């Protein structure tokens, strides 16, 4: 048993428990909200390197990169998130707040990178699903 496992109560998988993960995710958002982007980034990357590929963590990763002004890295995180948790659906629907955030991040990054065609498409998609249809659960 390693010293890390002893410290963590002997957790055999090396992964944080649900409670520990939730605590770390809360810390990431609090740190980011208070402007400690580098510290939040360290926690996000640690969870990512430990194998967490949940939609929550991938969105957190994109948000931290966005707040750091890393536009291309944010887009790469959003692409990974889109593969893990696609938001495209058919028919009329209303985007959840998380989905709207994802679309906003993409549009803003494309704008900052001066990719006009991509910005136009991202904004159109962002606005198209904002008011009609049923609210999707998160």
N, C-alpha and C. Protein backbone atom coordinates (compact mmCIF):
# COMPACT_ATOMS: atom_id res chain seq x y z
N UNK A 1 0.86 -1.17 0.00
CA UNK A 1 0.00 0.00 0.00
C UNK A 1 0.91 1.24 0.00
N UNK A 2 0.65 2.17 -0.90
CA UNK A 2 1.47 3.37 -0.98
C UNK A 2 1.06 4.37 0.09
N UNK A 3 1.93 5.35 0.30
CA UNK A 3 1.61 6.37 1.31
C UNK A 3 0.38 7.17 0.90
N UNK A 4 0.17 7.36 -0.41
CA UNK A 4 -1.02 8.08 -0.87
C UNK A 4 -2.27 7.29 -0.52
N UNK A 5 -2.24 5.97 -0.67
CA UNK A 5 -3.39 5.15 -0.33
C UNK A 5 -3.65 5.17 1.17
N UNK A 6 -2.59 5.19 1.96
CA UNK A 6 -2.76 5.27 3.41
C UNK A 6 -3.40 6.60 3.76
N UNK A 7 -2.89 7.67 3.19
CA UNK A 7 -3.44 9.00 3.44
C UNK A 7 -4.91 9.07 3.04
N UNK A 8 -5.25 8.43 1.93
CA UNK A 8 -6.62 8.49 1.41
C UNK A 8 -7.48 7.37 1.99
N UNK A 9 -7.04 6.77 3.03
CA UNK A 9 -7.86 5.73 3.64
C UNK A 9 -7.73 4.39 2.95
N UNK A 10 -6.65 4.18 2.22
CA UNK A 10 -6.41 2.90 1.58
C UNK A 10 -7.29 2.64 0.37
N UNK A 11 -7.76 3.68 -0.30
CA UNK A 11 -8.61 3.51 -1.48
C UNK A 11 -7.83 2.75 -2.54
N UNK A 12 -8.20 1.51 -2.87
CA UNK A 12 -7.38 0.64 -3.71
C UNK A 12 -7.28 1.06 -5.17
N UNK A 13 -8.25 1.78 -5.70
CA UNK A 13 -8.20 2.11 -7.13
C UNK A 13 -7.33 3.33 -7.42
N UNK A 14 -7.00 4.10 -6.40
CA UNK A 14 -6.24 5.31 -6.63
C UNK A 14 -7.10 6.45 -7.13
N UNK A 15 -8.37 6.19 -7.34
CA UNK A 15 -9.30 7.22 -7.79
C UNK A 15 -9.97 7.87 -6.59
N UNK A 16 -10.29 9.15 -6.67
CA UNK A 16 -11.01 9.78 -5.56
C UNK A 16 -12.43 9.21 -5.45
N UNK A 17 -12.93 9.18 -4.25
CA UNK A 17 -14.32 8.76 -4.05
C UNK A 17 -15.24 9.83 -4.64
N UNK A 18 -16.49 9.52 -4.74
CA UNK A 18 -17.47 10.49 -5.27
C UNK A 18 -17.45 11.77 -4.43
N UNK A 19 -17.40 11.60 -3.13
CA UNK A 19 -17.39 12.76 -2.22
C UNK A 19 -16.13 13.60 -2.41
N UNK A 20 -14.98 12.93 -2.53
CA UNK A 20 -13.72 13.65 -2.75
C UNK A 20 -13.72 14.38 -4.09
N UNK A 21 -14.25 13.71 -5.11
CA UNK A 21 -14.32 14.32 -6.44
C UNK A 21 -15.23 15.54 -6.42
N UNK A 22 -16.38 15.42 -5.77
CA UNK A 22 -17.30 16.55 -5.68
C UNK A 22 -16.66 17.73 -4.94
N UNK A 23 -15.89 17.43 -3.90
CA UNK A 23 -15.19 18.47 -3.15
C UNK A 23 -14.16 19.16 -4.04
N UNK A 24 -13.41 18.38 -4.81
CA UNK A 24 -12.42 18.96 -5.71
C UNK A 24 -13.09 19.80 -6.81
N UNK A 25 -14.19 19.32 -7.34
CA UNK A 25 -14.91 20.08 -8.37
C UNK A 25 -15.42 21.40 -7.81
N UNK A 26 -15.94 21.38 -6.60
CA UNK A 26 -16.40 22.61 -5.95
C UNK A 26 -15.23 23.58 -5.78
N UNK A 27 -14.09 23.06 -5.36
CA UNK A 27 -12.91 23.90 -5.21
C UNK A 27 -12.48 24.52 -6.53
N UNK A 28 -12.57 23.75 -7.60
CA UNK A 28 -12.20 24.27 -8.92
C UNK A 28 -13.06 25.48 -9.27
N UNK A 29 -14.37 25.35 -9.09
CA UNK A 29 -15.27 26.46 -9.43
C UNK A 29 -15.08 27.66 -8.51
N UNK A 30 -14.86 27.42 -7.22
CA UNK A 30 -14.64 28.53 -6.29
C UNK A 30 -13.34 29.25 -6.62
N UNK A 31 -12.27 28.51 -6.85
CA UNK A 31 -10.99 29.12 -7.21
C UNK A 31 -11.11 29.94 -8.50
N UNK A 32 -11.76 29.36 -9.50
CA UNK A 32 -11.92 30.07 -10.78
C UNK A 32 -12.75 31.33 -10.59
N UNK A 33 -13.81 31.23 -9.81
CA UNK A 33 -14.69 32.38 -9.58
C UNK A 33 -13.94 33.52 -8.89
N UNK A 34 -12.98 33.19 -8.05
CA UNK A 34 -12.23 34.20 -7.33
C UNK A 34 -10.95 34.61 -8.06
N UNK A 35 -10.79 34.14 -9.29
CA UNK A 35 -9.67 34.56 -10.11
C UNK A 35 -8.39 33.76 -9.97
N UNK A 36 -8.42 32.66 -9.24
CA UNK A 36 -7.25 31.81 -9.08
C UNK A 36 -7.26 30.74 -10.17
N UNK A 37 -7.11 31.19 -11.39
CA UNK A 37 -7.23 30.31 -12.56
C UNK A 37 -6.13 29.25 -12.57
N UNK A 38 -4.91 29.65 -12.22
CA UNK A 38 -3.81 28.68 -12.23
C UNK A 38 -4.05 27.55 -11.22
N UNK A 39 -4.52 27.90 -10.05
CA UNK A 39 -4.80 26.89 -9.02
C UNK A 39 -5.93 25.98 -9.45
N UNK A 40 -6.97 26.56 -10.01
CA UNK A 40 -8.09 25.75 -10.51
C UNK A 40 -7.61 24.82 -11.62
N UNK A 41 -6.73 25.34 -12.47
CA UNK A 41 -6.18 24.53 -13.56
C UNK A 41 -5.39 23.33 -13.08
N UNK A 42 -4.66 23.51 -11.99
CA UNK A 42 -3.89 22.40 -11.42
C UNK A 42 -4.84 21.28 -10.97
N UNK A 43 -5.91 21.65 -10.29
CA UNK A 43 -6.86 20.64 -9.82
C UNK A 43 -7.56 19.94 -10.99
N UNK A 44 -7.95 20.73 -11.99
CA UNK A 44 -8.62 20.15 -13.16
C UNK A 44 -7.69 19.15 -13.85
N UNK A 45 -6.46 19.56 -14.07
CA UNK A 45 -5.52 18.67 -14.76
C UNK A 45 -5.20 17.43 -13.94
N UNK A 46 -5.14 17.58 -12.62
CA UNK A 46 -4.89 16.41 -11.76
C UNK A 46 -6.01 15.39 -11.91
N UNK A 47 -7.25 15.85 -11.85
CA UNK A 47 -8.38 14.92 -12.02
C UNK A 47 -8.37 14.31 -13.41
N UNK A 48 -8.05 15.11 -14.41
CA UNK A 48 -8.01 14.61 -15.78
C UNK A 48 -6.93 13.53 -15.93
N UNK A 49 -5.75 13.79 -15.37
CA UNK A 49 -4.67 12.82 -15.46
C UNK A 49 -4.95 11.55 -14.66
N UNK A 50 -5.83 11.66 -13.67
CA UNK A 50 -6.23 10.48 -12.90
C UNK A 50 -7.27 9.65 -13.65
N UNK A 51 -7.69 10.13 -14.82
CA UNK A 51 -8.60 9.35 -15.66
C UNK A 51 -10.04 9.81 -15.66
N UNK A 52 -10.34 10.91 -14.98
CA UNK A 52 -11.73 11.42 -14.96
C UNK A 52 -12.03 12.05 -16.32
N UNK A 53 -12.98 11.48 -17.03
CA UNK A 53 -13.39 12.02 -18.33
C UNK A 53 -14.88 12.34 -18.32
N UNK A 54 -15.41 12.67 -17.14
CA UNK A 54 -16.83 13.01 -17.02
C UNK A 54 -17.11 14.33 -17.74
N UNK A 55 -18.36 14.51 -18.13
CA UNK A 55 -18.75 15.75 -18.79
C UNK A 55 -18.50 16.96 -17.89
N UNK A 56 -18.72 16.80 -16.59
CA UNK A 56 -18.47 17.89 -15.64
C UNK A 56 -17.01 18.33 -15.66
N UNK A 57 -16.12 17.36 -15.62
CA UNK A 57 -14.70 17.71 -15.59
C UNK A 57 -14.26 18.29 -16.93
N UNK A 58 -14.73 17.72 -18.02
CA UNK A 58 -14.34 18.24 -19.33
C UNK A 58 -14.83 19.67 -19.53
N UNK A 59 -16.02 19.98 -19.03
CA UNK A 59 -16.51 21.35 -19.10
C UNK A 59 -15.67 22.25 -18.20
N UNK A 60 -15.33 21.78 -17.02
CA UNK A 60 -14.48 22.56 -16.12
C UNK A 60 -13.13 22.86 -16.77
N UNK A 61 -12.59 21.87 -17.43
CA UNK A 61 -11.32 22.03 -18.13
C UNK A 61 -11.42 23.11 -19.21
N UNK A 62 -12.50 23.08 -19.96
CA UNK A 62 -12.71 24.09 -21.00
C UNK A 62 -12.87 25.47 -20.37
N UNK A 63 -13.62 25.57 -19.29
CA UNK A 63 -13.82 26.86 -18.63
C UNK A 63 -12.53 27.45 -18.09
N UNK A 64 -11.70 26.61 -17.48
CA UNK A 64 -10.43 27.10 -16.94
C UNK A 64 -9.53 27.59 -18.07
N UNK A 65 -9.49 26.84 -19.14
CA UNK A 65 -8.67 27.26 -20.29
C UNK A 65 -9.21 28.56 -20.89
N UNK A 66 -10.53 28.67 -20.96
CA UNK A 66 -11.17 29.89 -21.48
C UNK A 66 -10.81 31.09 -20.61
N UNK A 67 -10.92 30.94 -19.31
CA UNK A 67 -10.62 32.05 -18.40
C UNK A 67 -9.15 32.45 -18.45
N UNK A 68 -8.30 31.51 -18.84
CA UNK A 68 -6.87 31.80 -18.99
C UNK A 68 -6.56 32.42 -20.35
N UNK A 69 -7.57 32.52 -21.21
CA UNK A 69 -7.36 33.10 -22.54
C UNK A 69 -6.68 32.16 -23.52
N UNK A 70 -6.76 30.87 -23.25
CA UNK A 70 -6.16 29.86 -24.13
C UNK A 70 -7.23 29.38 -25.11
N UNK A 71 -7.43 30.13 -26.18
CA UNK A 71 -8.56 29.92 -27.08
C UNK A 71 -8.49 28.57 -27.80
N UNK A 72 -7.33 28.25 -28.36
CA UNK A 72 -7.22 26.96 -29.08
C UNK A 72 -7.34 25.77 -28.12
N UNK A 73 -6.76 25.89 -26.95
CA UNK A 73 -6.86 24.82 -25.96
C UNK A 73 -8.31 24.65 -25.51
N UNK A 74 -9.03 25.76 -25.39
CA UNK A 74 -10.45 25.68 -25.03
C UNK A 74 -11.23 24.93 -26.09
N UNK A 75 -10.97 25.26 -27.35
CA UNK A 75 -11.66 24.57 -28.45
C UNK A 75 -11.34 23.08 -28.44
N UNK A 76 -10.10 22.72 -28.15
CA UNK A 76 -9.73 21.30 -28.09
C UNK A 76 -10.49 20.61 -26.96
N UNK A 77 -10.62 21.27 -25.82
CA UNK A 77 -11.38 20.70 -24.69
C UNK A 77 -12.85 20.54 -25.06
N UNK A 78 -13.40 21.54 -25.76
CA UNK A 78 -14.81 21.46 -26.17
C UNK A 78 -15.04 20.34 -27.16
N UNK A 79 -14.07 20.11 -28.06
CA UNK A 79 -14.19 19.00 -29.01
C UNK A 79 -14.21 17.67 -28.27
N UNK A 80 -13.35 17.53 -27.27
CA UNK A 80 -13.34 16.29 -26.49
C UNK A 80 -14.66 16.13 -25.74
N UNK A 81 -15.17 17.23 -25.21
CA UNK A 81 -16.46 17.20 -24.51
C UNK A 81 -17.58 16.83 -25.47
N UNK A 82 -17.55 17.36 -26.69
CA UNK A 82 -18.58 17.03 -27.68
C UNK A 82 -18.57 15.55 -28.04
N UNK A 83 -17.38 14.94 -28.05
CA UNK A 83 -17.30 13.50 -28.33
C UNK A 83 -17.85 12.69 -27.15
N UNK A 84 -17.56 13.14 -25.95
CA UNK A 84 -18.00 12.41 -24.75
C UNK A 84 -19.47 12.63 -24.44
N UNK A 85 -19.97 13.84 -24.72
CA UNK A 85 -21.35 14.21 -24.35
C UNK A 85 -21.91 15.13 -25.44
N UNK A 86 -22.33 14.56 -26.58
CA UNK A 86 -22.83 15.40 -27.68
C UNK A 86 -24.08 16.18 -27.26
N UNK A 87 -24.18 17.42 -27.78
CA UNK A 87 -25.36 18.22 -27.45
C UNK A 87 -26.31 18.36 -28.63
N UNK A 88 -25.90 17.89 -29.78
CA UNK A 88 -26.77 18.02 -30.95
C UNK A 88 -27.94 17.04 -30.85
N UNK A 89 -29.12 17.57 -31.11
CA UNK A 89 -30.34 16.76 -31.13
C UNK A 89 -31.16 17.19 -32.33
N UNK A 90 -32.15 16.40 -32.65
CA UNK A 90 -33.01 16.73 -33.78
C UNK A 90 -34.30 17.35 -33.27
N UNK A 91 -34.89 18.22 -34.08
CA UNK A 91 -36.16 18.83 -33.73
C UNK A 91 -35.98 20.06 -32.86
N UNK A 92 -37.11 20.55 -32.38
CA UNK A 92 -37.08 21.73 -31.51
C UNK A 92 -36.74 21.33 -30.08
N UNK A 93 -35.86 22.06 -29.48
CA UNK A 93 -35.52 21.85 -28.08
C UNK A 93 -34.88 23.13 -27.57
N UNK A 94 -34.80 23.21 -26.28
CA UNK A 94 -34.17 24.37 -25.64
C UNK A 94 -32.89 23.89 -24.96
N UNK A 95 -31.83 24.62 -25.16
CA UNK A 95 -30.55 24.24 -24.56
C UNK A 95 -30.57 24.44 -23.05
N UNK A 96 -29.90 23.54 -22.35
CA UNK A 96 -29.71 23.73 -20.91
C UNK A 96 -28.64 24.80 -20.73
N UNK A 97 -28.46 25.27 -19.53
CA UNK A 97 -27.45 26.30 -19.25
C UNK A 97 -26.05 25.79 -19.59
N UNK A 98 -25.78 24.55 -19.30
CA UNK A 98 -24.46 23.99 -19.62
C UNK A 98 -24.23 23.93 -21.13
N UNK A 99 -25.27 23.55 -21.86
CA UNK A 99 -25.14 23.49 -23.31
C UNK A 99 -24.96 24.89 -23.89
N UNK A 100 -25.69 25.86 -23.37
CA UNK A 100 -25.54 27.24 -23.83
C UNK A 100 -24.13 27.76 -23.51
N UNK A 101 -23.62 27.40 -22.36
CA UNK A 101 -22.26 27.80 -21.98
C UNK A 101 -21.26 27.23 -22.96
N UNK A 102 -21.42 25.96 -23.30
CA UNK A 102 -20.51 25.32 -24.26
C UNK A 102 -20.54 26.03 -25.60
N UNK A 103 -21.73 26.35 -26.06
CA UNK A 103 -21.85 27.02 -27.35
C UNK A 103 -21.27 28.43 -27.30
N UNK A 104 -21.50 29.13 -26.18
CA UNK A 104 -20.93 30.47 -26.02
C UNK A 104 -19.40 30.41 -26.03
N UNK A 105 -18.83 29.47 -25.28
CA UNK A 105 -17.38 29.34 -25.24
C UNK A 105 -16.81 29.12 -26.63
N UNK A 106 -17.46 28.26 -27.38
CA UNK A 106 -16.98 27.99 -28.74
C UNK A 106 -17.06 29.23 -29.61
N UNK A 107 -18.18 29.93 -29.57
CA UNK A 107 -18.35 31.14 -30.39
C UNK A 107 -17.31 32.19 -29.99
N UNK A 108 -17.11 32.38 -28.71
CA UNK A 108 -16.16 33.40 -28.25
C UNK A 108 -14.73 33.05 -28.63
N UNK A 109 -14.35 31.77 -28.52
CA UNK A 109 -13.00 31.35 -28.91
C UNK A 109 -12.77 31.56 -30.40
N UNK A 110 -13.75 31.18 -31.20
CA UNK A 110 -13.63 31.37 -32.64
C UNK A 110 -13.52 32.85 -32.98
N UNK A 111 -14.26 33.70 -32.27
CA UNK A 111 -14.18 35.14 -32.47
C UNK A 111 -12.78 35.65 -32.14
N UNK A 112 -12.24 35.21 -31.01
CA UNK A 112 -10.90 35.65 -30.59
C UNK A 112 -9.83 35.18 -31.57
N UNK A 113 -10.06 34.04 -32.22
CA UNK A 113 -9.11 33.52 -33.20
C UNK A 113 -9.37 34.06 -34.60
N UNK A 114 -10.34 34.97 -34.72
CA UNK A 114 -10.67 35.64 -36.00
C UNK A 114 -11.13 34.65 -37.07
N UNK A 115 -11.87 33.62 -36.67
CA UNK A 115 -12.41 32.64 -37.62
C UNK A 115 -13.87 33.00 -37.87
N UNK A 116 -14.08 33.93 -38.79
CA UNK A 116 -15.40 34.53 -39.01
C UNK A 116 -16.48 33.53 -39.40
N UNK A 117 -16.17 32.61 -40.29
CA UNK A 117 -17.17 31.63 -40.72
C UNK A 117 -17.60 30.75 -39.54
N UNK A 118 -16.64 30.32 -38.76
CA UNK A 118 -16.95 29.49 -37.60
C UNK A 118 -17.77 30.24 -36.56
N UNK A 119 -17.46 31.54 -36.39
CA UNK A 119 -18.21 32.35 -35.43
C UNK A 119 -19.66 32.47 -35.87
N UNK A 120 -19.87 32.72 -37.13
CA UNK A 120 -21.23 32.86 -37.66
C UNK A 120 -22.05 31.59 -37.42
N UNK A 121 -21.47 30.45 -37.73
CA UNK A 121 -22.15 29.17 -37.53
C UNK A 121 -22.42 28.90 -36.04
N UNK A 122 -21.42 29.18 -35.21
CA UNK A 122 -21.57 28.94 -33.77
C UNK A 122 -22.64 29.85 -33.17
N UNK A 123 -22.66 31.11 -33.58
CA UNK A 123 -23.68 32.04 -33.07
C UNK A 123 -25.07 31.65 -33.54
N UNK A 124 -25.18 31.26 -34.80
CA UNK A 124 -26.47 30.84 -35.33
C UNK A 124 -27.00 29.63 -34.56
N UNK A 125 -26.14 28.68 -34.29
CA UNK A 125 -26.54 27.50 -33.53
C UNK A 125 -26.89 27.87 -32.09
N UNK A 126 -26.13 28.78 -31.51
CA UNK A 126 -26.37 29.24 -30.13
C UNK A 126 -27.73 29.92 -30.02
N UNK A 127 -28.05 30.77 -30.97
CA UNK A 127 -29.29 31.53 -30.92
C UNK A 127 -30.51 30.71 -31.35
N UNK A 128 -30.31 29.78 -32.28
CA UNK A 128 -31.42 29.00 -32.83
C UNK A 128 -32.17 28.19 -31.78
N UNK A 129 -31.47 27.68 -30.79
CA UNK A 129 -32.10 26.79 -29.81
C UNK A 129 -32.32 27.46 -28.46
N UNK A 130 -32.43 28.76 -28.44
CA UNK A 130 -32.52 29.46 -27.18
C UNK A 130 -33.91 29.65 -26.63
N UNK A 131 -34.97 29.60 -27.45
CA UNK A 131 -36.28 29.99 -26.94
C UNK A 131 -37.41 29.01 -27.19
N UNK A 132 -37.26 28.10 -28.12
CA UNK A 132 -38.38 27.22 -28.45
C UNK A 132 -38.15 25.81 -27.91
N UNK A 133 -39.23 25.08 -27.73
CA UNK A 133 -39.14 23.68 -27.36
C UNK A 133 -39.14 23.47 -25.86
N UNK A 134 -38.90 22.23 -25.47
CA UNK A 134 -38.92 21.84 -24.08
C UNK A 134 -37.53 21.97 -23.48
N UNK A 135 -37.49 22.25 -22.20
CA UNK A 135 -36.21 22.33 -21.47
C UNK A 135 -35.64 20.92 -21.33
N UNK A 136 -34.39 20.76 -21.67
CA UNK A 136 -33.73 19.48 -21.55
C UNK A 136 -33.13 19.36 -20.15
N UNK A 137 -33.26 18.22 -19.50
CA UNK A 137 -32.61 18.05 -18.20
C UNK A 137 -31.11 17.99 -18.37
N UNK A 138 -30.38 18.43 -17.34
CA UNK A 138 -28.92 18.38 -17.41
C UNK A 138 -28.39 17.06 -16.95
